[in-house]
């Protein structure tokens, strides 16, 4: 799907979030990446094949 040079990582690669944003909808909390993945503001993802990636925010340490 990606026409960039160098090509963005595909949706099945671990670094898929590095793909370029094709369409951003911050008011709705999601962005479409050029590899077809939907990236949500909570860091969850919906991949083109229908797989769901749970949110994976880093845990913050409390003092």
Protein backbone atom coordinates (compact mmCIF):
# COMPACT_ATOMS: atom_id res chain seq x y z
CA UNK A 1 0.00 0.00 0.00
CA UNK A 2 2.89 2.34 0.74
CA UNK A 3 4.30 4.40 -2.12
CA UNK A 4 6.96 6.16 -0.03
CA UNK A 5 10.70 5.74 -0.50
CA UNK A 6 11.92 4.05 1.60
CA UNK A 7 8.76 2.04 2.08
CA UNK A 8 6.99 2.18 5.42
CA UNK A 9 6.85 -0.98 7.54
CA UNK A 10 3.93 -3.27 6.73
CA UNK A 11 1.11 -3.78 9.21
CA UNK A 12 2.42 -7.21 10.23
CA UNK A 13 5.82 -5.88 11.38
CA UNK A 14 6.57 -4.89 15.00
CA UNK A 15 7.51 -1.33 13.91
CA UNK A 16 4.21 -0.79 12.02
CA UNK A 17 3.51 2.42 14.00
CA UNK A 18 6.41 4.10 12.16
CA UNK A 19 4.35 4.22 8.95
CA UNK A 20 3.22 7.62 7.72
CA UNK A 21 -0.18 9.00 8.69
CA UNK A 22 -2.53 9.12 5.69
CA UNK A 23 -5.56 10.51 7.50
CA UNK A 24 -5.62 11.97 11.02
CA UNK A 25 -8.80 12.42 13.03
CA UNK A 26 -7.64 13.61 16.46
CA UNK A 27 -11.16 14.79 17.31
CA UNK A 28 -12.24 11.14 17.03
CA UNK A 29 -9.05 9.70 18.53
CA UNK A 30 -7.60 7.76 15.59
CA UNK A 31 -5.27 7.93 12.59
CA UNK A 32 -5.01 5.80 9.47
CA UNK A 33 -1.47 4.78 8.58
CA UNK A 34 -0.30 4.14 5.02
CA UNK A 35 0.12 0.44 5.84
CA UNK A 36 -3.63 0.20 6.49
CA UNK A 37 -3.45 0.08 10.28
CA UNK A 38 -5.70 2.25 12.43
CA UNK A 39 -3.81 3.73 15.37
CA UNK A 40 -5.90 4.94 18.30
CA UNK A 41 -4.94 7.65 20.79
CA UNK A 42 -4.88 5.08 23.62
CA UNK A 43 -2.13 3.24 21.61
CA UNK A 44 -4.46 0.42 20.61
CA UNK A 45 -4.48 -0.66 16.96
CA UNK A 46 -6.76 -2.30 14.43
CA UNK A 47 -4.83 -4.07 11.68
CA UNK A 48 -6.06 -4.49 8.08
CA UNK A 49 -6.63 -8.23 8.62
CA UNK A 50 -9.00 -7.49 11.54
CA UNK A 51 -6.58 -8.28 14.35
CA UNK A 52 -6.78 -6.04 17.40
CA UNK A 53 -3.67 -4.90 19.24
CA UNK A 54 -4.46 -3.92 22.82
CA UNK A 55 -3.30 -0.52 24.08
CA UNK A 56 0.35 -0.67 25.09
CA UNK A 57 1.13 2.54 26.91
CA UNK A 58 4.29 2.52 28.99
CA UNK A 59 3.63 2.20 32.68
CA UNK A 60 4.70 5.23 34.70
CA UNK A 61 6.46 4.88 38.01
CA UNK A 62 4.79 6.42 41.03
CA UNK A 63 6.85 8.07 43.74
